[in-house]
Amino acid sequence: MRRMMAAIVALMLLSLPAVHAVQPDEIMSDPAKEARARELSRELRCMVCQNQSIDDSDAPLARDLRLLVRERIAAGDSNGEVLDFLVARYGEFVLLKPRFERQTILLWLLAPLLLAAGGFALWRQNRRRSQSGAEVPMPPLTSDEEARLAALMTDEAKSS
């Protein structure tokens, strides 16, 4: 019974929507602009928490950044202009997902290159192993082994 109750409580907790740190006084009156602000807030890193978006963080700096995003949207900035403004002010680190640029190309390409190199190394090792196995011929059976094999085959034929 306890396990069932624990499973029900766990399912209820998992089904709850994510709690966001956005305060009621931060929410914009225009739903379309608020949706844009929330979308941008999910892309920006909290400089205090570092692995949380400002949309999820309770830190005072995250609140300031959320308000700044909303101010820029209210002023008529596009999403790109808001992000460019924040990157100019706080650096590329403010983005949770770095842009694909010359400075970040190693960050983006290192994992796929390492994966490809590992696949190539495994393919090459497997190829060498199969080639070396084909070069070694099977030694012929001794007379004792041939006699034993013949006896096993006759026993198998009789039992079938």
N, C-alpha and C. Protein backbone atom coordinates (compact mmCIF):
# COMPACT_ATOMS: atom_id res chain seq x y z
N MET A 1 0.82 -1.18 0.00
CA MET A 1 0.00 0.00 0.00
C MET A 1 0.88 1.26 0.00
N ARG A 2 1.95 1.22 0.80
CA ARG A 2 2.84 2.37 0.86
C ARG A 2 3.52 2.63 -0.47
N ARG A 3 3.90 1.56 -1.14
CA ARG A 3 4.55 1.71 -2.44
C ARG A 3 3.59 2.33 -3.46
N MET A 4 2.35 1.91 -3.40
CA MET A 4 1.36 2.45 -4.32
C MET A 4 1.14 3.94 -4.06
N MET A 5 1.06 4.32 -2.80
CA MET A 5 0.88 5.73 -2.45
C MET A 5 2.10 6.55 -2.89
N ALA A 6 3.29 6.00 -2.69
CA ALA A 6 4.50 6.70 -3.11
C ALA A 6 4.52 6.87 -4.62
N ALA A 7 4.09 5.85 -5.35
CA ALA A 7 4.05 5.93 -6.81
C ALA A 7 3.03 6.98 -7.25
N ILE A 8 1.89 7.05 -6.59
CA ILE A 8 0.86 8.04 -6.94
C ILE A 8 1.38 9.45 -6.68
N VAL A 9 2.03 9.65 -5.53
CA VAL A 9 2.57 10.97 -5.20
C VAL A 9 3.66 11.36 -6.22
N ALA A 10 4.51 10.41 -6.58
CA ALA A 10 5.56 10.69 -7.56
C ALA A 10 4.97 11.06 -8.92
N LEU A 11 3.93 10.36 -9.34
CA LEU A 11 3.27 10.68 -10.61
C LEU A 11 2.62 12.06 -10.56
N MET A 12 2.05 12.40 -9.44
CA MET A 12 1.41 13.71 -9.31
C MET A 12 2.47 14.82 -9.38
N LEU A 13 3.60 14.60 -8.72
CA LEU A 13 4.67 15.60 -8.75
C LEU A 13 5.24 15.76 -10.15
N LEU A 14 5.37 14.65 -10.88
CA LEU A 14 5.90 14.72 -12.23
C LEU A 14 4.92 15.37 -13.20
N SER A 15 3.63 15.25 -12.92
CA SER A 15 2.65 15.82 -13.83
C SER A 15 2.40 17.30 -13.60
N LEU A 16 2.90 17.85 -12.48
CA LEU A 16 2.73 19.27 -12.23
C LEU A 16 3.53 20.08 -13.24
N PRO A 17 3.01 21.20 -13.68
CA PRO A 17 3.80 22.03 -14.60
C PRO A 17 5.01 22.60 -13.87
N ALA A 18 6.03 22.91 -14.64
CA ALA A 18 7.26 23.45 -14.05
C ALA A 18 6.95 24.78 -13.37
N VAL A 19 7.50 24.97 -12.20
CA VAL A 19 7.31 26.21 -11.47
C VAL A 19 8.34 27.20 -11.97
N HIS A 20 7.87 28.38 -12.33
CA HIS A 20 8.76 29.41 -12.82
C HIS A 20 8.89 30.49 -11.77
N ALA A 21 10.00 31.18 -11.82
CA ALA A 21 10.28 32.19 -10.82
C ALA A 21 9.70 33.56 -11.18
N VAL A 22 9.02 33.65 -12.30
CA VAL A 22 8.45 34.93 -12.72
C VAL A 22 7.39 35.36 -11.71
N GLN A 23 7.53 36.57 -11.22
CA GLN A 23 6.61 37.11 -10.23
C GLN A 23 5.41 37.75 -10.93
N PRO A 24 4.27 37.81 -10.28
CA PRO A 24 3.08 38.40 -10.90
C PRO A 24 3.29 39.85 -11.33
N ASP A 25 4.09 40.62 -10.59
CA ASP A 25 4.29 42.02 -10.97
C ASP A 25 5.21 42.17 -12.19
N GLU A 26 5.84 41.09 -12.64
CA GLU A 26 6.71 41.15 -13.81
C GLU A 26 5.94 40.88 -15.10
N ILE A 27 4.81 40.23 -15.02
CA ILE A 27 4.08 39.77 -16.20
C ILE A 27 3.55 40.96 -16.98
N MET A 28 3.76 40.91 -18.29
CA MET A 28 3.31 41.97 -19.18
C MET A 28 1.82 41.83 -19.47
N SER A 29 1.13 42.93 -19.73
CA SER A 29 -0.31 42.89 -19.98
C SER A 29 -0.65 42.28 -21.34
N ASP A 30 0.24 42.42 -22.32
CA ASP A 30 0.02 41.85 -23.64
C ASP A 30 0.49 40.38 -23.63
N PRO A 31 -0.42 39.41 -23.85
CA PRO A 31 -0.03 37.99 -23.80
C PRO A 31 1.02 37.62 -24.85
N ALA A 32 0.99 38.24 -26.02
CA ALA A 32 1.97 37.92 -27.05
C ALA A 32 3.36 38.38 -26.63
N LYS A 33 3.45 39.56 -26.07
CA LYS A 33 4.75 40.07 -25.60
C LYS A 33 5.24 39.26 -24.40
N GLU A 34 4.31 38.86 -23.52
CA GLU A 34 4.71 38.03 -22.37
C GLU A 34 5.24 36.68 -22.85
N ALA A 35 4.61 36.12 -23.87
CA ALA A 35 5.10 34.84 -24.42
C ALA A 35 6.50 35.00 -24.99
N ARG A 36 6.76 36.12 -25.69
CA ARG A 36 8.11 36.39 -26.20
C ARG A 36 9.10 36.55 -25.06
N ALA A 37 8.70 37.25 -24.01
CA ALA A 37 9.58 37.45 -22.86
C ALA A 37 9.92 36.12 -22.19
N ARG A 38 8.93 35.24 -22.06
CA ARG A 38 9.17 33.93 -21.45
C ARG A 38 10.08 33.08 -22.32
N GLU A 39 9.87 33.17 -23.64
CA GLU A 39 10.73 32.42 -24.57
C GLU A 39 12.18 32.89 -24.46
N LEU A 40 12.38 34.18 -24.43
CA LEU A 40 13.73 34.73 -24.30
C LEU A 40 14.32 34.39 -22.93
N SER A 41 13.51 34.43 -21.90
CA SER A 41 13.99 34.13 -20.54
C SER A 41 14.49 32.71 -20.42
N ARG A 42 13.92 31.80 -21.20
CA ARG A 42 14.37 30.40 -21.17
C ARG A 42 15.72 30.22 -21.87
N GLU A 43 16.11 31.18 -22.70
CA GLU A 43 17.37 31.09 -23.45
C GLU A 43 18.52 31.78 -22.73
N LEU A 44 18.22 32.50 -21.65
CA LEU A 44 19.25 33.28 -20.96
C LEU A 44 19.65 32.63 -19.66
N ARG A 45 20.94 32.64 -19.39
CA ARG A 45 21.50 32.01 -18.20
C ARG A 45 21.46 32.97 -17.02
N CYS A 46 21.09 32.43 -15.87
CA CYS A 46 21.19 33.20 -14.63
C CYS A 46 22.67 33.27 -14.28
N MET A 47 23.19 34.46 -14.13
CA MET A 47 24.62 34.63 -13.87
C MET A 47 24.99 34.19 -12.45
N VAL A 48 24.01 34.04 -11.58
CA VAL A 48 24.26 33.59 -10.21
C VAL A 48 24.19 32.06 -10.16
N CYS A 49 23.11 31.49 -10.69
CA CYS A 49 22.89 30.04 -10.64
C CYS A 49 23.69 29.31 -11.71
N GLN A 50 23.92 29.93 -12.82
CA GLN A 50 24.73 29.50 -13.95
C GLN A 50 24.16 28.35 -14.77
N ASN A 51 23.52 27.37 -14.22
CA ASN A 51 22.94 26.31 -15.03
C ASN A 51 21.42 26.36 -15.01
N GLN A 52 20.88 27.50 -14.69
CA GLN A 52 19.44 27.72 -14.70
C GLN A 52 19.15 28.89 -15.60
N SER A 53 17.99 28.84 -16.24
CA SER A 53 17.59 30.00 -17.03
C SER A 53 17.07 31.06 -16.07
N ILE A 54 17.01 32.29 -16.56
CA ILE A 54 16.49 33.36 -15.70
C ILE A 54 15.00 33.17 -15.47
N ASP A 55 14.35 32.37 -16.32
CA ASP A 55 12.93 32.08 -16.15
C ASP A 55 12.70 31.19 -14.94
N ASP A 56 13.67 30.38 -14.59
CA ASP A 56 13.54 29.43 -13.48
C ASP A 56 14.21 29.89 -12.20
N SER A 57 15.02 30.92 -12.27
CA SER A 57 15.83 31.32 -11.12
C SER A 57 15.12 32.32 -10.23
N ASP A 58 15.35 32.19 -8.92
CA ASP A 58 14.81 33.12 -7.93
C ASP A 58 15.80 34.22 -7.56
N ALA A 59 16.99 34.19 -8.14
CA ALA A 59 18.04 35.15 -7.79
C ALA A 59 17.62 36.57 -8.16
N PRO A 60 18.01 37.54 -7.36
CA PRO A 60 17.67 38.94 -7.67
C PRO A 60 18.21 39.39 -9.03
N LEU A 61 19.39 38.94 -9.42
CA LEU A 61 19.93 39.31 -10.72
C LEU A 61 19.07 38.74 -11.85
N ALA A 62 18.55 37.53 -11.66
CA ALA A 62 17.67 36.94 -12.66
C ALA A 62 16.40 37.77 -12.81
N ARG A 63 15.88 38.23 -11.69
CA ARG A 63 14.69 39.10 -11.74
C ARG A 63 15.01 40.38 -12.52
N ASP A 64 16.18 40.96 -12.25
CA ASP A 64 16.58 42.18 -12.96
C ASP A 64 16.68 41.91 -14.47
N LEU A 65 17.23 40.77 -14.83
CA LEU A 65 17.36 40.42 -16.25
C LEU A 65 15.98 40.19 -16.88
N ARG A 66 15.07 39.54 -16.15
CA ARG A 66 13.72 39.35 -16.67
C ARG A 66 13.04 40.69 -16.92
N LEU A 67 13.20 41.61 -15.97
CA LEU A 67 12.61 42.95 -16.12
C LEU A 67 13.26 43.69 -17.30
N LEU A 68 14.56 43.53 -17.46
CA LEU A 68 15.26 44.17 -18.56
C LEU A 68 14.77 43.64 -19.91
N VAL A 69 14.57 42.32 -19.99
CA VAL A 69 14.03 41.71 -21.21
C VAL A 69 12.66 42.29 -21.52
N ARG A 70 11.82 42.40 -20.51
CA ARG A 70 10.48 42.94 -20.72
C ARG A 70 10.52 44.42 -21.11
N GLU A 71 11.45 45.18 -20.55
CA GLU A 71 11.60 46.59 -20.93
C GLU A 71 11.98 46.71 -22.39
N ARG A 72 12.93 45.88 -22.84
CA ARG A 72 13.38 45.95 -24.22
C ARG A 72 12.26 45.53 -25.18
N ILE A 73 11.48 44.53 -24.79
CA ILE A 73 10.35 44.11 -25.63
C ILE A 73 9.31 45.22 -25.69
N ALA A 74 9.02 45.85 -24.54
CA ALA A 74 8.05 46.95 -24.51
C ALA A 74 8.53 48.13 -25.36
N ALA A 75 9.85 48.30 -25.46
CA ALA A 75 10.41 49.39 -26.26
C ALA A 75 10.35 49.07 -27.76
N GLY A 76 9.97 47.85 -28.11
CA GLY A 76 9.82 47.49 -29.52
C GLY A 76 10.98 46.70 -30.10
N ASP A 77 11.91 46.26 -29.29
CA ASP A 77 13.04 45.47 -29.79
C ASP A 77 12.57 44.09 -30.24
N SER A 78 13.23 43.56 -31.27
CA SER A 78 12.96 42.18 -31.70
C SER A 78 13.69 41.23 -30.75
N ASN A 79 13.42 39.94 -30.87
CA ASN A 79 14.10 38.96 -30.02
C ASN A 79 15.61 39.01 -30.22
N GLY A 80 16.03 39.12 -31.47
CA GLY A 80 17.45 39.19 -31.77
C GLY A 80 18.11 40.42 -31.18
N GLU A 81 17.41 41.56 -31.23
CA GLU A 81 17.95 42.78 -30.66
C GLU A 81 18.08 42.69 -29.15
N VAL A 82 17.10 42.05 -28.51
CA VAL A 82 17.17 41.87 -27.05
C VAL A 82 18.37 41.01 -26.70
N LEU A 83 18.54 39.89 -27.41
CA LEU A 83 19.68 39.01 -27.15
C LEU A 83 21.00 39.71 -27.42
N ASP A 84 21.07 40.45 -28.52
CA ASP A 84 22.30 41.18 -28.83
C ASP A 84 22.64 42.21 -27.75
N PHE A 85 21.61 42.89 -27.23
CA PHE A 85 21.80 43.87 -26.17
C PHE A 85 22.38 43.20 -24.92
N LEU A 86 21.81 42.06 -24.55
CA LEU A 86 22.27 41.36 -23.34
C LEU A 86 23.67 40.76 -23.53
N VAL A 87 23.96 40.25 -24.73
CA VAL A 87 25.29 39.71 -25.00
C VAL A 87 26.32 40.83 -24.97
N ALA A 88 25.97 42.00 -25.51
CA ALA A 88 26.89 43.14 -25.48
C ALA A 88 27.16 43.57 -24.04
N ARG A 89 26.17 43.47 -23.19
CA ARG A 89 26.32 43.91 -21.81
C ARG A 89 26.98 42.86 -20.92
N TYR A 90 26.60 41.58 -21.06
CA TYR A 90 27.07 40.52 -20.16
C TYR A 90 28.01 39.50 -20.80
N GLY A 91 28.16 39.55 -22.10
CA GLY A 91 29.03 38.59 -22.78
C GLY A 91 28.26 37.38 -23.26
N GLU A 92 28.92 36.57 -24.06
CA GLU A 92 28.31 35.38 -24.66
C GLU A 92 27.86 34.37 -23.60
N PHE A 93 28.43 34.44 -22.42
CA PHE A 93 28.11 33.49 -21.34
C PHE A 93 26.66 33.60 -20.90
N VAL A 94 26.00 34.73 -21.16
CA VAL A 94 24.62 34.92 -20.73
C VAL A 94 23.66 34.01 -21.51
N LEU A 95 24.09 33.49 -22.65
CA LEU A 95 23.26 32.60 -23.46
C LEU A 95 23.42 31.16 -22.98
N LEU A 96 22.30 30.48 -22.73
CA LEU A 96 22.37 29.07 -22.33
C LEU A 96 22.85 28.21 -23.50
N LYS A 97 22.49 28.59 -24.72
CA LYS A 97 22.92 27.87 -25.91
C LYS A 97 23.77 28.83 -26.73
N PRO A 98 25.09 28.68 -26.69
CA PRO A 98 25.98 29.62 -27.40
C PRO A 98 25.70 29.64 -28.90
N ARG A 99 25.98 30.76 -29.51
CA ARG A 99 25.78 30.92 -30.95
C ARG A 99 26.88 30.17 -31.70
N PHE A 100 26.57 29.77 -32.92
CA PHE A 100 27.54 29.10 -33.78
C PHE A 100 28.34 30.17 -34.50
N GLU A 101 29.50 30.51 -33.95
CA GLU A 101 30.37 31.54 -34.49
C GLU A 101 31.80 31.04 -34.50
N ARG A 102 32.69 31.87 -35.03
CA ARG A 102 34.10 31.48 -35.12
C ARG A 102 34.68 31.16 -33.75
N GLN A 103 34.31 31.93 -32.72
CA GLN A 103 34.87 31.71 -31.39
C GLN A 103 34.32 30.43 -30.74
N THR A 104 33.14 29.99 -31.14
CA THR A 104 32.51 28.83 -30.50
C THR A 104 32.49 27.60 -31.39
N ILE A 105 33.18 27.64 -32.53
CA ILE A 105 33.13 26.51 -33.46
C ILE A 105 33.70 25.24 -32.82
N LEU A 106 34.75 25.37 -32.03
CA LEU A 106 35.32 24.21 -31.36
C LEU A 106 34.32 23.60 -30.38
N LEU A 107 33.60 24.43 -29.67
CA LEU A 107 32.59 23.96 -28.72
C LEU A 107 31.52 23.15 -29.44
N TRP A 108 31.09 23.59 -30.62
CA TRP A 108 30.03 22.92 -31.36
C TRP A 108 30.53 21.68 -32.09
N LEU A 109 31.76 21.69 -32.58
CA LEU A 109 32.23 20.60 -33.43
C LEU A 109 33.07 19.55 -32.72
N LEU A 110 33.52 19.83 -31.51
CA LEU A 110 34.40 18.90 -30.81
C LEU A 110 33.71 17.56 -30.53
N ALA A 111 32.50 17.57 -30.02
CA ALA A 111 31.81 16.31 -29.72
C ALA A 111 31.56 15.47 -30.97
N PRO A 112 31.01 16.03 -32.07
CA PRO A 112 30.84 15.20 -33.26
C PRO A 112 32.16 14.70 -33.84
N LEU A 113 33.20 15.52 -33.78
CA LEU A 113 34.50 15.08 -34.29
C LEU A 113 35.07 13.94 -33.45
N LEU A 114 34.94 14.04 -32.14
CA LEU A 114 35.42 12.95 -31.27
C LEU A 114 34.62 11.68 -31.50
N LEU A 115 33.32 11.81 -31.69
CA LEU A 115 32.47 10.65 -31.97
C LEU A 115 32.87 10.00 -33.29
N ALA A 116 33.11 10.80 -34.32
CA ALA A 116 33.52 10.27 -35.62
C ALA A 116 34.90 9.61 -35.52
N ALA A 117 35.82 10.21 -34.79
CA ALA A 117 37.16 9.63 -34.63
C ALA A 117 37.07 8.30 -33.88
N GLY A 118 36.24 8.23 -32.85
CA GLY A 118 36.07 6.98 -32.13
C GLY A 118 35.46 5.89 -33.00
N GLY A 119 34.46 6.25 -33.82
CA GLY A 119 33.86 5.28 -34.75
C GLY A 119 34.86 4.79 -35.76
N PHE A 120 35.69 5.71 -36.28
CA PHE A 120 36.73 5.31 -37.24
C PHE A 120 37.74 4.37 -36.58
N ALA A 121 38.14 4.68 -35.35
CA ALA A 121 39.11 3.82 -34.65
C ALA A 121 38.52 2.43 -34.41
N LEU A 122 37.25 2.35 -34.03
CA LEU A 122 36.62 1.04 -33.83
C LEU A 122 36.51 0.27 -35.14
N TRP A 123 36.13 0.97 -36.22
CA TRP A 123 36.04 0.32 -37.53
C TRP A 123 37.39 -0.23 -37.97
N ARG A 124 38.44 0.58 -37.77
CA ARG A 124 39.78 0.17 -38.16
C ARG A 124 40.27 -1.02 -37.33
N GLN A 125 40.01 -1.00 -36.04
CA GLN A 125 40.41 -2.10 -35.16
C GLN A 125 39.67 -3.38 -35.55
N ASN A 126 38.38 -3.26 -35.84
CA ASN A 126 37.60 -4.43 -36.24
C ASN A 126 38.10 -4.98 -37.57
N ARG A 127 38.46 -4.11 -38.49
CA ARG A 127 38.99 -4.52 -39.79
C ARG A 127 40.32 -5.25 -39.63
N ARG A 128 41.20 -4.69 -38.78
CA ARG A 128 42.50 -5.36 -38.54
C ARG A 128 42.30 -6.74 -37.91
N ARG A 129 41.37 -6.81 -36.97
CA ARG A 129 41.12 -8.08 -36.28
C ARG A 129 40.58 -9.12 -37.27
N SER A 130 39.67 -8.72 -38.15
CA SER A 130 39.11 -9.68 -39.11
C SER A 130 40.15 -10.09 -40.14
N GLN A 131 41.03 -9.17 -40.54
CA GLN A 131 42.08 -9.52 -41.50
C GLN A 131 43.11 -10.45 -40.87
N SER A 132 43.46 -10.20 -39.64
CA SER A 132 44.45 -11.06 -38.99
C SER A 132 43.87 -12.45 -38.72
N GLY A 133 42.58 -12.54 -38.48
CA GLY A 133 41.95 -13.84 -38.26
C GLY A 133 41.86 -14.66 -39.54
N ALA A 134 41.74 -14.02 -40.68
CA ALA A 134 41.63 -14.73 -41.96
C ALA A 134 42.99 -15.27 -42.41
N GLU A 135 44.07 -14.68 -41.97
CA GLU A 135 45.41 -15.10 -42.41
C GLU A 135 45.88 -16.36 -41.69
N VAL A 136 45.37 -16.65 -40.51
CA VAL A 136 45.81 -17.80 -39.74
C VAL A 136 44.95 -19.00 -40.14
N PRO A 137 45.54 -20.01 -40.85
CA PRO A 137 44.74 -21.17 -41.26
C PRO A 137 44.47 -22.10 -40.08
N MET A 138 43.38 -22.82 -40.18
CA MET A 138 43.02 -23.78 -39.15
C MET A 138 43.95 -25.00 -39.27
N PRO A 139 44.56 -25.44 -38.17
CA PRO A 139 45.44 -26.63 -38.27
C PRO A 139 44.60 -27.88 -38.55
N PRO A 140 45.16 -28.82 -39.26
CA PRO A 140 44.40 -30.05 -39.56
C PRO A 140 44.17 -30.88 -38.29
N LEU A 141 43.11 -31.70 -38.34
CA LEU A 141 42.78 -32.55 -37.19
C LEU A 141 43.78 -33.70 -37.08
N THR A 142 44.06 -34.05 -35.83
CA THR A 142 44.93 -35.21 -35.62
C THR A 142 44.11 -36.46 -35.84
N SER A 143 44.79 -37.62 -35.93
CA SER A 143 44.08 -38.89 -36.17
C SER A 143 43.15 -39.22 -35.01
N ASP A 144 43.54 -38.88 -33.76
CA ASP A 144 42.67 -39.11 -32.61
C ASP A 144 41.41 -38.24 -32.69
N GLU A 145 41.58 -36.99 -33.10
CA GLU A 145 40.43 -36.07 -33.21
C GLU A 145 39.49 -36.52 -34.32
N GLU A 146 40.07 -37.02 -35.44
CA GLU A 146 39.23 -37.50 -36.53
C GLU A 146 38.43 -38.73 -36.11
N ALA A 147 39.06 -39.62 -35.35
CA ALA A 147 38.36 -40.83 -34.88
C ALA A 147 37.24 -40.44 -33.91
N ARG A 148 37.50 -39.51 -33.05
CA ARG A 148 36.49 -39.06 -32.08
C ARG A 148 35.32 -38.38 -32.79
N LEU A 149 35.64 -37.57 -33.82
CA LEU A 149 34.61 -36.89 -34.59
C LEU A 149 33.74 -37.91 -35.33
N ALA A 150 34.36 -38.91 -35.89
CA ALA A 150 33.60 -39.96 -36.60
C ALA A 150 32.69 -40.70 -35.64
N ALA A 151 33.18 -41.00 -34.43
CA ALA A 151 32.37 -41.70 -33.43
C ALA A 151 31.17 -40.83 -33.02
N LEU A 152 31.39 -39.53 -32.83
CA LEU A 152 30.30 -38.63 -32.47
C LEU A 152 29.26 -38.54 -33.58
N MET A 153 29.71 -38.52 -34.82
CA MET A 153 28.79 -38.40 -35.93
C MET A 153 27.96 -39.66 -36.07
N THR A 154 28.56 -40.85 -35.84
CA THR A 154 27.79 -42.10 -35.92
C THR A 154 26.79 -42.17 -34.79
N ASP A 155 27.18 -41.73 -33.60
CA ASP A 155 26.25 -41.71 -32.45
C ASP A 155 25.07 -40.77 -32.74
N GLU A 156 25.36 -39.64 -33.36
CA GLU A 156 24.31 -38.65 -33.69
C GLU A 156 23.38 -39.21 -34.73
N ALA A 157 23.94 -39.94 -35.73
CA ALA A 157 23.13 -40.50 -36.79
C ALA A 157 22.21 -41.60 -36.25
N LYS A 158 22.68 -42.39 -35.28
CA LYS A 158 21.89 -43.46 -34.69
C LYS A 158 20.74 -42.90 -33.84
N SER A 159 20.99 -41.78 -33.14
CA SER A 159 19.96 -41.22 -32.24
C SER A 159 18.89 -40.45 -33.03
N SER A 160 19.14 -40.08 -34.28
CA SER A 160 18.15 -39.34 -35.09
C SER A 160 17.13 -40.19 -35.67
